[in-house]
Amino acid sequence: MNRVFYGWAPYKGPIPGRRAGVLISMEDGEAVAYALWNLEERGRMFVGPQAKVYQGMIIGEHSRDNDLEVNPLKGKKLTNVRASGSDDAVRLTPHINFSLEEAIAYVNDDELVEVTPESIRLRKRYLDPHERKRMSKKDN
């Protein structure tokens, strides 16, 4: 791991970590633009539409300080009835792409950085939500 060195200074206490929680995928599959659009009010996204996601993968930063499991695969319910103006195009804000150094600096102790030739992904150490809960109780 590598960080940029700025200079020497007197000890100022422990280094504060990230204050915000993360949005965790609860399903395996491809992310849907409509679902990501609905999740934008919960926080900033790290994945875009048609991105492959899996259970336990971190797909965004939560606007609050707790972790939240979300479903990025939930599509729009389609009916035969159409109203004029109700089917507007989904406009997403651009998602955040981390470099390897930014991803390493972003993760907490219970998270991992996954590096493949195609992508850099963030994930929870324990992918199963029940195992995550069990291990968090064990640590406290």
Protein backbone atom coordinates (compact mmCIF):
# COMPACT_ATOMS: atom_id res chain seq x y z
CA MET A 1 0.00 0.00 0.00
CA ASN A 2 1.18 3.47 -0.76
CA ARG A 3 0.11 6.95 0.37
CA VAL A 4 1.38 10.44 -0.43
CA PHE A 5 3.64 11.90 2.28
CA TYR A 6 2.92 15.54 3.08
CA GLY A 7 5.28 16.28 5.97
CA TRP A 8 6.15 15.73 9.62
CA ALA A 9 3.88 17.10 12.37
CA PRO A 10 3.29 16.50 16.09
CA TYR A 11 0.99 13.59 17.01
CA LYS A 12 -2.65 14.71 16.76
CA GLY A 13 -4.46 11.57 17.91
CA PRO A 14 -6.02 8.72 15.97
CA ILE A 15 -6.70 9.20 12.27
CA PRO A 16 -10.46 9.57 11.69
CA GLY A 17 -12.00 7.11 9.26
CA ARG A 18 -14.97 7.32 6.97
CA ARG A 19 -18.11 8.62 8.67
CA ALA A 20 -20.68 7.45 6.11
CA GLY A 21 -22.00 3.92 5.73
CA VAL A 22 -22.24 1.98 2.49
CA LEU A 23 -24.98 0.61 0.24
CA ILE A 24 -24.65 -3.17 -0.12
CA SER A 25 -26.20 -5.25 -2.89
CA MET A 26 -28.56 -7.98 -1.69
CA GLU A 27 -28.89 -9.78 -5.06
CA ASP A 28 -26.73 -11.24 -7.84
CA GLY A 29 -27.16 -10.00 -11.42
CA GLU A 30 -26.94 -6.82 -13.52
CA ALA A 31 -27.78 -3.43 -12.02
CA VAL A 32 -30.85 -1.75 -13.54
CA ALA A 33 -30.90 1.99 -14.30
CA TYR A 34 -34.39 2.39 -12.80
CA ALA A 35 -33.30 0.81 -9.50
CA LEU A 36 -30.15 2.94 -9.32
CA TRP A 37 -32.23 6.04 -10.03
CA ASN A 38 -34.47 5.20 -7.05
CA LEU A 39 -31.41 4.58 -4.85
CA GLU A 40 -29.75 7.92 -5.68
CA GLU A 41 -31.59 9.68 -2.85
CA ARG A 42 -29.93 7.23 -0.42
CA GLY A 43 -26.39 8.09 -1.46
CA ARG A 44 -23.74 8.26 -4.18
CA MET A 45 -23.31 5.24 -6.48
CA PHE A 46 -20.10 3.36 -7.31
CA VAL A 47 -21.66 1.27 -10.12
CA GLY A 48 -23.55 2.19 -13.26
CA PRO A 49 -26.38 0.48 -15.15
CA GLN A 50 -25.68 -3.01 -16.56
CA ALA A 51 -22.81 -3.48 -14.09
CA LYS A 52 -22.51 -7.01 -12.73
CA VAL A 53 -23.19 -7.01 -8.99
CA TYR A 54 -23.31 -9.76 -6.39
CA GLN A 55 -24.56 -10.20 -2.84
CA GLY A 56 -22.26 -8.38 -0.41
CA MET A 57 -20.78 -6.04 -3.02
CA ILE A 58 -20.60 -2.37 -2.08
CA ILE A 59 -22.45 -0.38 -4.75
CA GLY A 60 -22.53 3.08 -3.15
CA GLU A 61 -21.96 5.35 -0.19
CA HIS A 62 -24.94 5.77 2.14
CA SER A 63 -25.87 9.33 3.11
CA ARG A 64 -26.12 8.23 6.77
CA ASP A 65 -23.59 6.53 9.03
CA ASN A 66 -25.01 2.99 8.87
CA ASP A 67 -24.70 0.26 6.23
CA LEU A 68 -27.83 -0.48 4.21
CA GLU A 69 -28.69 -3.50 2.05
CA VAL A 70 -30.42 -2.50 -1.18
CA ASN A 71 -31.66 -4.21 -4.35
CA PRO A 72 -30.05 -2.70 -7.49
CA LEU A 73 -31.85 -5.22 -9.74
CA LYS A 74 -35.43 -4.14 -9.06
CA GLY A 75 -36.98 -3.12 -12.37
CA LYS A 76 -39.99 -0.96 -13.06
CA LYS A 77 -43.36 -2.71 -12.87
CA LEU A 78 -44.85 -2.67 -16.35
CA THR A 79 -48.56 -2.51 -17.07
CA ASN A 80 -50.60 -2.15 -20.23
CA VAL A 81 -51.91 1.26 -19.15
CA ARG A 82 -49.81 4.24 -20.21
CA ALA A 83 -50.21 7.85 -19.17
CA SER A 84 -48.74 10.67 -21.19
CA GLY A 85 -45.60 12.06 -19.56
CA SER A 86 -45.32 9.38 -16.87
CA ASP A 87 -42.61 7.33 -18.64
CA ASP A 88 -39.83 9.90 -18.53
CA ALA A 89 -36.28 8.87 -19.33
CA VAL A 90 -34.21 7.93 -16.29
CA ARG A 91 -31.34 10.39 -15.79
CA LEU A 92 -28.58 9.13 -13.50
CA THR A 93 -25.81 11.17 -11.96
CA PRO A 94 -22.40 9.82 -13.00
CA HIS A 95 -21.11 7.10 -10.69
CA ILE A 96 -17.79 7.30 -8.84
CA ASN A 97 -14.83 5.36 -10.24
CA PHE A 98 -12.11 4.64 -7.69
CA SER A 99 -8.45 4.22 -8.48
CA LEU A 100 -6.70 1.47 -6.53
CA GLU A 101 -5.22 3.93 -4.04
CA GLU A 102 -8.57 5.66 -3.50
CA ALA A 103 -10.31 2.31 -2.96
CA ILE A 104 -7.70 1.19 -0.40
CA ALA A 105 -8.06 4.50 1.46
CA TYR A 106 -11.89 4.25 1.39
CA VAL A 107 -12.47 0.78 2.89
CA ASN A 108 -13.13 0.09 6.57
CA ASP A 109 -11.83 -2.90 8.53
CA ASP A 110 -14.81 -5.09 7.59
CA GLU A 111 -14.44 -4.39 3.84
CA LEU A 112 -12.11 -5.57 1.08
CA VAL A 113 -10.89 -4.23 -2.27
CA GLU A 114 -11.28 -6.72 -5.11
CA VAL A 115 -8.98 -6.15 -8.09
CA THR A 116 -9.51 -7.89 -11.44
CA PRO A 117 -8.13 -7.02 -14.89
CA GLU A 118 -11.46 -5.38 -15.81
CA SER A 119 -12.42 -3.58 -12.61
CA ILE A 120 -11.75 -2.52 -9.05
CA ARG A 121 -14.65 -3.40 -6.75
CA LEU A 122 -15.39 -2.95 -3.06
CA ARG A 123 -17.06 -5.69 -1.03
CA LYS A 124 -17.82 -6.68 2.52
CA ARG A 125 -15.46 -9.20 4.11
CA TYR A 126 -18.43 -11.52 4.75
CA LEU A 127 -20.82 -11.61 1.78
CA ASP A 128 -23.70 -13.33 3.60
CA PRO A 129 -25.77 -10.82 5.65
CA HIS A 130 -26.32 -13.35 8.47
CA GLU A 131 -22.61 -14.03 8.75
CA ARG A 132 -21.88 -10.26 8.73
CA LYS A 133 -24.30 -9.76 11.61
CA ARG A 134 -22.85 -12.69 13.55
CA MET A 135 -19.27 -11.44 13.11
CA SER A 136 -20.17 -7.85 14.08
CA LYS A 137 -21.65 -9.14 17.34
CA LYS A 138 -18.55 -11.27 17.91
CA ASP A 139 -16.26 -8.23 17.50
CA ASN A 140 -18.21 -6.09 20.00
